[in-house]
Structure formats: C-alpha cells, structure tokens
N, C-alpha and C. Protein backbone atom coordinates (compact mmCIF):
# COMPACT_ATOMS: atom_id res chain seq x y z
N MET A 1 46.98 181.86 -55.42
CA MET A 1 47.81 182.09 -56.57
C MET A 1 48.48 180.79 -56.94
N ILE A 2 48.74 180.63 -58.20
CA ILE A 2 49.36 179.42 -58.69
C ILE A 2 50.76 179.75 -59.16
N SER A 3 51.74 178.97 -58.72
CA SER A 3 53.10 179.14 -59.19
C SER A 3 53.37 178.10 -60.27
N LEU A 4 53.89 178.56 -61.38
CA LEU A 4 54.20 177.66 -62.47
C LEU A 4 55.66 177.80 -62.85
N ASP A 5 56.25 176.74 -63.34
CA ASP A 5 57.63 176.77 -63.81
C ASP A 5 57.60 177.13 -65.29
N PHE A 6 57.91 178.39 -65.60
CA PHE A 6 57.85 178.85 -66.98
C PHE A 6 59.10 178.48 -67.77
N LYS A 7 60.06 177.78 -67.15
CA LYS A 7 61.30 177.41 -67.83
C LYS A 7 61.08 176.23 -68.77
N SER A 8 60.02 175.53 -68.59
CA SER A 8 59.78 174.32 -69.36
C SER A 8 59.31 174.67 -70.77
N ALA A 9 60.08 174.22 -71.77
CA ALA A 9 59.70 174.45 -73.16
C ALA A 9 58.38 173.76 -73.48
N ASP A 10 58.13 172.60 -72.85
CA ASP A 10 56.87 171.88 -73.07
C ASP A 10 55.68 172.73 -72.61
N TYR A 11 55.87 173.43 -71.48
CA TYR A 11 54.80 174.27 -70.97
C TYR A 11 54.49 175.39 -71.96
N LEU A 12 55.54 176.07 -72.42
CA LEU A 12 55.34 177.17 -73.37
C LEU A 12 54.73 176.68 -74.67
N THR A 13 55.16 175.52 -75.14
CA THR A 13 54.60 174.95 -76.36
C THR A 13 53.13 174.63 -76.16
N SER A 14 52.78 174.10 -75.00
CA SER A 14 51.38 173.74 -74.76
C SER A 14 50.49 174.97 -74.69
N ILE A 15 51.03 176.08 -74.18
CA ILE A 15 50.24 177.32 -74.17
C ILE A 15 50.02 177.78 -75.60
N ALA A 16 51.09 177.78 -76.38
CA ALA A 16 50.99 178.26 -77.75
C ALA A 16 50.00 177.43 -78.56
N SER A 17 49.90 176.15 -78.29
CA SER A 17 49.01 175.30 -79.06
C SER A 17 47.67 175.06 -78.34
N HIS A 18 47.46 175.72 -77.22
CA HIS A 18 46.22 175.63 -76.44
C HIS A 18 45.91 174.21 -75.98
N GLN A 19 46.95 173.43 -75.73
CA GLN A 19 46.74 172.08 -75.23
C GLN A 19 46.63 172.13 -73.72
N ARG A 20 46.15 171.06 -73.14
CA ARG A 20 46.07 170.94 -71.69
C ARG A 20 47.48 171.02 -71.11
N VAL A 21 47.69 171.89 -70.12
CA VAL A 21 49.01 172.11 -69.55
C VAL A 21 49.40 170.98 -68.62
N SER A 22 48.56 170.70 -67.65
CA SER A 22 48.91 169.68 -66.66
C SER A 22 47.66 169.25 -65.92
N SER A 23 47.64 168.02 -65.50
CA SER A 23 46.50 167.56 -64.71
C SER A 23 46.54 168.13 -63.30
N SER A 24 47.68 168.74 -62.91
CA SER A 24 47.78 169.32 -61.57
C SER A 24 47.06 170.68 -61.49
N LEU A 25 46.72 171.27 -62.62
CA LEU A 25 45.99 172.53 -62.62
C LEU A 25 44.50 172.23 -62.70
N ASN A 26 43.77 172.68 -61.71
CA ASN A 26 42.34 172.44 -61.66
C ASN A 26 41.58 173.73 -61.93
N LYS A 27 40.48 173.63 -62.65
CA LYS A 27 39.61 174.79 -62.84
C LYS A 27 38.90 175.07 -61.54
N TRP A 28 38.71 176.35 -61.22
CA TRP A 28 37.95 176.68 -60.04
C TRP A 28 36.62 177.25 -60.47
N LYS A 29 35.67 177.11 -59.58
CA LYS A 29 34.33 177.63 -59.84
C LYS A 29 34.31 179.10 -59.42
N MET A 30 34.84 179.93 -60.30
CA MET A 30 34.98 181.34 -59.99
C MET A 30 33.63 182.05 -60.16
N GLN A 31 33.29 182.87 -59.19
CA GLN A 31 32.08 183.67 -59.28
C GLN A 31 32.43 185.13 -59.51
N THR A 32 33.58 185.56 -58.99
CA THR A 32 33.99 186.95 -59.06
C THR A 32 35.49 187.01 -59.25
N ALA A 33 35.96 187.99 -60.00
CA ALA A 33 37.40 188.19 -60.16
C ALA A 33 37.72 189.66 -59.92
N VAL A 34 38.89 189.92 -59.37
CA VAL A 34 39.34 191.28 -59.11
C VAL A 34 40.72 191.44 -59.72
N GLY A 35 40.94 192.55 -60.39
CA GLY A 35 42.25 192.82 -60.98
C GLY A 35 42.86 194.05 -60.33
N GLY A 36 44.16 194.09 -60.29
CA GLY A 36 44.87 195.23 -59.74
C GLY A 36 46.35 194.96 -59.82
N GLY A 37 47.08 195.64 -58.99
CA GLY A 37 48.52 195.39 -58.93
C GLY A 37 49.25 196.58 -58.37
N PRO A 38 50.41 196.35 -57.88
CA PRO A 38 51.11 195.08 -57.88
C PRO A 38 50.66 194.17 -56.75
N VAL A 39 51.08 192.90 -56.84
CA VAL A 39 50.90 191.95 -55.75
C VAL A 39 51.67 192.50 -54.56
N LEU A 40 51.11 192.38 -53.36
CA LEU A 40 51.75 192.90 -52.15
C LEU A 40 52.23 191.78 -51.23
N VAL A 41 51.38 190.79 -51.03
CA VAL A 41 51.71 189.67 -50.15
C VAL A 41 51.43 188.38 -50.91
N GLN A 42 52.38 187.47 -50.85
CA GLN A 42 52.22 186.19 -51.52
C GLN A 42 52.73 185.10 -50.60
N ASN A 43 51.91 184.09 -50.36
CA ASN A 43 52.26 182.99 -49.44
C ASN A 43 52.69 183.51 -48.07
N GLY A 44 52.01 184.56 -47.59
CA GLY A 44 52.26 185.09 -46.26
C GLY A 44 53.48 185.99 -46.14
N GLU A 45 54.17 186.26 -47.25
CA GLU A 45 55.37 187.10 -47.22
C GLU A 45 55.18 188.31 -48.13
N ILE A 46 55.78 189.43 -47.74
CA ILE A 46 55.73 190.61 -48.58
C ILE A 46 56.49 190.32 -49.87
N LYS A 47 55.80 190.53 -50.97
CA LYS A 47 56.43 190.30 -52.27
C LYS A 47 55.82 191.29 -53.25
N ILE A 48 56.39 192.47 -53.30
CA ILE A 48 55.90 193.47 -54.23
C ILE A 48 56.56 193.17 -55.58
N THR A 49 55.73 192.81 -56.54
CA THR A 49 56.22 192.27 -57.80
C THR A 49 56.36 193.31 -58.89
N ASN A 50 56.82 194.49 -58.53
CA ASN A 50 56.92 195.57 -59.50
C ASN A 50 57.80 195.21 -60.70
N ASN A 51 58.84 194.42 -60.50
CA ASN A 51 59.71 194.05 -61.62
C ASN A 51 58.97 193.24 -62.66
N GLU A 52 57.98 192.45 -62.24
CA GLU A 52 57.21 191.66 -63.18
C GLU A 52 56.03 192.44 -63.76
N GLU A 53 55.38 193.23 -62.93
CA GLU A 53 54.16 193.90 -63.36
C GLU A 53 54.41 195.27 -63.97
N LEU A 54 55.51 195.92 -63.59
CA LEU A 54 55.90 197.23 -64.13
C LEU A 54 54.78 198.27 -64.02
N LYS A 55 54.14 198.32 -62.87
CA LYS A 55 53.07 199.29 -62.66
C LYS A 55 53.59 200.62 -62.11
N PHE A 56 54.70 200.58 -61.40
CA PHE A 56 55.21 201.77 -60.74
C PHE A 56 56.67 201.97 -61.13
N ALA A 57 56.96 202.99 -61.90
CA ALA A 57 58.32 203.23 -62.41
C ALA A 57 59.19 203.89 -61.35
N GLY A 58 60.49 203.65 -61.44
CA GLY A 58 61.46 204.31 -60.57
C GLY A 58 61.18 204.10 -59.11
N LYS A 59 61.17 205.20 -58.36
CA LYS A 59 60.96 205.12 -56.91
C LYS A 59 59.50 205.33 -56.51
N ALA A 60 58.60 205.28 -57.48
CA ALA A 60 57.18 205.49 -57.18
C ALA A 60 56.65 204.47 -56.19
N ILE A 61 57.31 203.34 -56.09
CA ILE A 61 56.91 202.31 -55.14
C ILE A 61 56.99 202.84 -53.70
N ASP A 62 57.82 203.88 -53.50
CA ASP A 62 58.01 204.47 -52.17
C ASP A 62 57.21 205.74 -51.96
N ASP A 63 56.41 206.15 -52.93
CA ASP A 63 55.58 207.34 -52.78
C ASP A 63 54.40 207.03 -51.86
N LYS A 64 54.03 208.02 -51.04
CA LYS A 64 52.88 207.85 -50.15
C LYS A 64 51.64 208.41 -50.81
N HIS A 65 50.60 207.58 -50.85
CA HIS A 65 49.33 207.97 -51.46
C HIS A 65 48.20 207.28 -50.71
N PRO A 66 46.95 207.75 -50.92
CA PRO A 66 45.83 206.95 -50.45
C PRO A 66 45.89 205.61 -51.17
N ARG A 67 45.53 204.55 -50.49
CA ARG A 67 45.65 203.21 -51.07
C ARG A 67 44.39 202.40 -50.79
N THR A 68 44.14 201.46 -51.68
CA THR A 68 43.08 200.48 -51.49
C THR A 68 43.67 199.12 -51.83
N ALA A 69 43.41 198.14 -50.99
CA ALA A 69 43.95 196.80 -51.22
C ALA A 69 42.94 195.76 -50.75
N MET A 70 43.14 194.57 -51.25
CA MET A 70 42.27 193.47 -50.88
C MET A 70 43.14 192.22 -50.74
N GLY A 71 42.81 191.39 -49.78
CA GLY A 71 43.55 190.16 -49.60
C GLY A 71 42.72 189.15 -48.83
N TYR A 72 43.35 188.04 -48.54
CA TYR A 72 42.67 187.05 -47.72
C TYR A 72 43.66 186.36 -46.81
N THR A 73 43.12 185.87 -45.69
CA THR A 73 43.93 185.19 -44.69
C THR A 73 44.07 183.71 -45.08
N LYS A 74 44.93 183.01 -44.35
CA LYS A 74 45.15 181.59 -44.64
C LYS A 74 43.86 180.78 -44.46
N ASP A 75 42.98 181.26 -43.57
CA ASP A 75 41.71 180.56 -43.38
C ASP A 75 40.57 181.20 -44.20
N ASN A 76 40.95 181.88 -45.29
CA ASN A 76 40.03 182.42 -46.30
C ASN A 76 39.09 183.52 -45.83
N LYS A 77 39.54 184.33 -44.91
CA LYS A 77 38.77 185.52 -44.52
C LYS A 77 39.20 186.67 -45.42
N LEU A 78 38.23 187.39 -45.97
CA LEU A 78 38.48 188.51 -46.86
C LEU A 78 38.90 189.73 -46.05
N ILE A 79 39.95 190.40 -46.49
CA ILE A 79 40.41 191.64 -45.86
C ILE A 79 40.36 192.74 -46.91
N ILE A 80 39.73 193.85 -46.59
CA ILE A 80 39.73 195.02 -47.45
C ILE A 80 40.33 196.16 -46.64
N LEU A 81 41.33 196.81 -47.22
CA LEU A 81 42.05 197.88 -46.54
C LEU A 81 41.98 199.14 -47.38
N VAL A 82 41.58 200.24 -46.77
CA VAL A 82 41.61 201.54 -47.43
C VAL A 82 42.40 202.47 -46.53
N ILE A 83 43.40 203.13 -47.10
CA ILE A 83 44.29 204.01 -46.35
C ILE A 83 44.05 205.45 -46.79
N GLU A 84 43.72 206.29 -45.83
CA GLU A 84 43.49 207.71 -46.11
C GLU A 84 44.82 208.40 -46.40
N GLY A 85 44.78 209.39 -47.28
CA GLY A 85 46.00 210.14 -47.59
C GLY A 85 45.70 211.49 -48.20
N ARG A 86 46.77 212.29 -48.36
CA ARG A 86 46.68 213.66 -48.92
C ARG A 86 45.71 214.52 -48.12
N ASN A 87 45.75 214.36 -46.80
CA ASN A 87 44.80 215.06 -45.93
C ASN A 87 45.54 216.00 -44.98
N ASN A 88 46.16 217.04 -45.53
CA ASN A 88 46.77 218.15 -44.78
C ASN A 88 47.44 217.76 -43.46
N GLY A 89 48.40 216.85 -43.51
CA GLY A 89 49.16 216.49 -42.32
C GLY A 89 48.43 215.56 -41.36
N ILE A 90 47.17 215.28 -41.59
CA ILE A 90 46.42 214.37 -40.72
C ILE A 90 46.67 212.92 -41.14
N ALA A 91 46.58 212.67 -42.44
CA ALA A 91 46.80 211.34 -42.99
C ALA A 91 47.58 211.51 -44.29
N GLU A 92 48.78 210.98 -44.31
CA GLU A 92 49.65 211.19 -45.49
C GLU A 92 49.60 210.06 -46.50
N GLY A 93 48.91 208.98 -46.19
CA GLY A 93 48.88 207.83 -47.08
C GLY A 93 49.94 206.83 -46.69
N ALA A 94 50.27 205.93 -47.60
CA ALA A 94 51.26 204.88 -47.32
C ALA A 94 52.00 204.53 -48.61
N THR A 95 53.21 204.03 -48.45
CA THR A 95 53.94 203.47 -49.58
C THR A 95 53.39 202.08 -49.84
N LEU A 96 53.73 201.50 -50.98
CA LEU A 96 53.29 200.13 -51.25
C LEU A 96 53.88 199.16 -50.23
N THR A 97 55.11 199.41 -49.81
CA THR A 97 55.74 198.54 -48.81
C THR A 97 55.02 198.65 -47.46
N GLN A 98 54.66 199.86 -47.05
CA GLN A 98 53.92 200.04 -45.81
C GLN A 98 52.55 199.36 -45.90
N GLU A 99 51.90 199.52 -47.04
CA GLU A 99 50.59 198.88 -47.24
C GLU A 99 50.72 197.36 -47.13
N ALA A 100 51.75 196.81 -47.76
CA ALA A 100 51.98 195.36 -47.70
C ALA A 100 52.24 194.90 -46.27
N GLN A 101 53.02 195.67 -45.51
CA GLN A 101 53.32 195.31 -44.13
C GLN A 101 52.06 195.30 -43.27
N MET A 102 51.19 196.30 -43.49
CA MET A 102 49.92 196.34 -42.74
C MET A 102 49.09 195.09 -43.01
N LEU A 103 49.01 194.73 -44.28
CA LEU A 103 48.22 193.56 -44.66
C LEU A 103 48.81 192.28 -44.08
N LYS A 104 50.12 192.16 -44.12
CA LYS A 104 50.77 190.99 -43.52
C LYS A 104 50.52 190.96 -42.01
N ASP A 105 50.64 192.13 -41.36
CA ASP A 105 50.46 192.22 -39.91
C ASP A 105 49.05 191.81 -39.46
N ILE A 106 48.06 192.03 -40.31
CA ILE A 106 46.69 191.64 -39.92
C ILE A 106 46.33 190.25 -40.42
N GLY A 107 47.33 189.54 -40.96
CA GLY A 107 47.15 188.13 -41.27
C GLY A 107 46.90 187.76 -42.71
N CYS A 108 47.10 188.68 -43.65
CA CYS A 108 46.88 188.33 -45.06
C CYS A 108 47.91 187.32 -45.53
N TRP A 109 47.42 186.32 -46.21
CA TRP A 109 48.27 185.30 -46.83
C TRP A 109 48.56 185.70 -48.28
N GLU A 110 47.59 186.33 -48.93
CA GLU A 110 47.71 186.85 -50.28
C GLU A 110 47.06 188.23 -50.28
N ALA A 111 47.64 189.21 -50.98
CA ALA A 111 47.05 190.54 -51.04
C ALA A 111 47.48 191.25 -52.32
N LEU A 112 46.59 192.12 -52.79
CA LEU A 112 46.77 192.82 -54.05
C LEU A 112 46.42 194.28 -53.89
N ASN A 113 47.26 195.16 -54.40
CA ASN A 113 46.97 196.59 -54.43
C ASN A 113 45.90 196.85 -55.48
N LEU A 114 44.96 197.71 -55.18
CA LEU A 114 43.92 198.10 -56.13
C LEU A 114 44.10 199.58 -56.48
N ASP A 115 43.15 200.15 -57.20
CA ASP A 115 43.24 201.56 -57.56
C ASP A 115 43.26 202.41 -56.30
N GLY A 116 44.09 203.41 -56.27
CA GLY A 116 44.22 204.25 -55.08
C GLY A 116 44.02 205.71 -55.41
N GLY A 117 44.75 206.56 -54.69
CA GLY A 117 44.60 208.00 -54.91
C GLY A 117 43.20 208.46 -54.64
N GLY A 118 42.67 209.30 -55.53
CA GLY A 118 41.32 209.84 -55.37
C GLY A 118 40.23 208.78 -55.48
N SER A 119 40.58 207.59 -55.95
CA SER A 119 39.60 206.49 -56.04
C SER A 119 39.44 205.76 -54.71
N SER A 120 40.36 205.99 -53.77
CA SER A 120 40.29 205.29 -52.48
C SER A 120 39.17 205.86 -51.63
N CYS A 121 38.18 205.02 -51.40
CA CYS A 121 37.01 205.41 -50.62
C CYS A 121 36.39 204.13 -50.06
N MET A 122 35.92 204.21 -48.84
CA MET A 122 35.17 203.07 -48.29
C MET A 122 33.94 203.61 -47.58
N LEU A 123 32.81 203.10 -48.00
CA LEU A 123 31.55 203.45 -47.36
C LEU A 123 31.06 202.24 -46.59
N VAL A 124 30.59 202.47 -45.38
CA VAL A 124 29.95 201.43 -44.59
C VAL A 124 28.57 201.95 -44.25
N ASN A 125 27.57 201.21 -44.71
CA ASN A 125 26.18 201.65 -44.55
C ASN A 125 25.97 203.06 -45.08
N GLY A 126 26.62 203.37 -46.22
CA GLY A 126 26.45 204.66 -46.88
C GLY A 126 27.27 205.80 -46.30
N LYS A 127 28.07 205.53 -45.27
CA LYS A 127 28.85 206.60 -44.63
C LYS A 127 30.33 206.42 -44.94
N GLU A 128 30.99 207.54 -45.29
CA GLU A 128 32.43 207.50 -45.55
C GLU A 128 33.19 207.11 -44.30
N THR A 129 34.19 206.26 -44.46
CA THR A 129 35.03 205.84 -43.33
C THR A 129 36.37 206.58 -43.33
N ILE A 130 36.72 207.19 -44.47
CA ILE A 130 37.92 208.01 -44.55
C ILE A 130 37.57 209.30 -45.28
N LYS A 131 38.40 210.31 -45.10
CA LYS A 131 38.22 211.55 -45.86
C LYS A 131 38.80 211.33 -47.25
N ILE A 132 38.02 211.60 -48.26
CA ILE A 132 38.43 211.43 -49.64
C ILE A 132 39.52 212.45 -49.97
N SER A 133 40.53 212.03 -50.75
CA SER A 133 41.64 212.93 -51.06
C SER A 133 41.29 213.99 -52.09
N ASP A 134 40.30 213.73 -52.95
CA ASP A 134 39.89 214.75 -53.92
C ASP A 134 39.16 215.87 -53.20
N LYS A 135 39.51 217.09 -53.51
CA LYS A 135 38.91 218.25 -52.82
C LYS A 135 37.39 218.32 -53.04
N THR A 136 36.92 217.79 -54.17
CA THR A 136 35.49 217.85 -54.47
C THR A 136 34.71 216.66 -53.90
N GLY A 137 35.40 215.77 -53.18
CA GLY A 137 34.74 214.62 -52.58
C GLY A 137 34.75 213.40 -53.49
N GLN A 138 33.81 212.51 -53.28
CA GLN A 138 33.75 211.28 -54.07
C GLN A 138 33.61 211.61 -55.55
N ARG A 139 34.25 210.77 -56.37
CA ARG A 139 34.17 210.95 -57.81
C ARG A 139 33.73 209.64 -58.46
N PRO A 140 33.20 209.73 -59.65
CA PRO A 140 32.79 208.50 -60.34
C PRO A 140 34.02 207.63 -60.65
N VAL A 141 33.86 206.34 -60.47
CA VAL A 141 34.89 205.37 -60.82
C VAL A 141 34.22 204.28 -61.66
N PRO A 142 35.00 203.61 -62.53
CA PRO A 142 34.39 202.64 -63.43
C PRO A 142 33.93 201.34 -62.77
N ALA A 143 34.42 201.06 -61.57
CA ALA A 143 34.04 199.81 -60.91
C ALA A 143 34.09 199.99 -59.40
N VAL A 144 33.25 199.26 -58.71
CA VAL A 144 33.24 199.26 -57.25
C VAL A 144 33.16 197.83 -56.76
N PHE A 145 33.51 197.66 -55.50
CA PHE A 145 33.42 196.35 -54.86
C PHE A 145 32.38 196.50 -53.76
N ILE A 146 31.32 195.72 -53.83
CA ILE A 146 30.22 195.83 -52.87
C ILE A 146 30.09 194.53 -52.08
N ILE A 147 29.99 194.67 -50.78
CA ILE A 147 29.71 193.52 -49.92
C ILE A 147 28.32 193.77 -49.33
N LYS A 148 27.42 192.83 -49.55
CA LYS A 148 26.05 192.98 -49.08
C LYS A 148 25.68 191.77 -48.26
N GLN A 149 25.10 192.02 -47.11
CA GLN A 149 24.66 190.93 -46.25
C GLN A 149 23.42 190.30 -46.84
N LYS A 150 23.38 188.98 -46.84
CA LYS A 150 22.21 188.26 -47.38
C LYS A 150 21.03 188.38 -46.48
C-alpha cells in the first residue's frame, strides 16, 4: 500500500490536471488486482479503516459473520483466510476485528476483507473446507479467486 500526503494543494492540483504526481511513485507491473474492504491490517498493525471506506455502518463492524480475507506477509507470502459462520453453534463467524487479529497473528503485513457471508467458501482440490452458511449450499458469485499449480 502507498501512503500519500493528501494535505498538499500541489498534489491535489496535479491529480485534477492529470500531471505526474511525483517521481517517488513507481508504476508496478500488475498482473492481478483484488478489491474489497475494509482494510484490516496495514504495515503489520490492525487498522480497520471503516471511517474512510464506510463499508459497515454503526456497530456492524462487531457483527459475527462468515468472512473471507486475503493478505500477505512481510516476505510476500500470500495468505487466504476463510472463516466459517452461521453454523448452528458450531461456528459463529468472526467480527472484522477478530478477523484482523487472526491475520496479524499468522504474520500478515497487509490484509483486506473480501466478500463474506454466504459467499465465503474455500475449495481445495474441489472439496469444501468449511460448511457453507447458505442452507442450499454453494451459490453463484460474480468472481472467484483461483490458485492453480503450474
């Protein structure tokens, strides 16, 4: 993640006029991008950015649900976490804060919450690793994340 000082009028002017912002910002050779929110871990610390992203109103940040998150460690290892929930007292899910703590505890330097609830599912070699929270089982979702061995 890149931290920028948005207080600079020059920076805002350069965005508005589409000029080069700074030589310190380098383009990366991106192959894949993932969107979600809120941010859970930033620079190795829990930082749930709900005030900036406004994804969860009121106390929803403390609601327990099935969750899916993705992050990476300081040495660039990918971490994917899926938390089972809504499973009749067996698995109740997690709050965003609990999810962030789990990711930090396993070494995530940066982590992002993804779509959760009934969309939370992880298959390994075609087999479910958690019980899906929807009573009817897996449901269609508009996007998936696939890891395939070369």
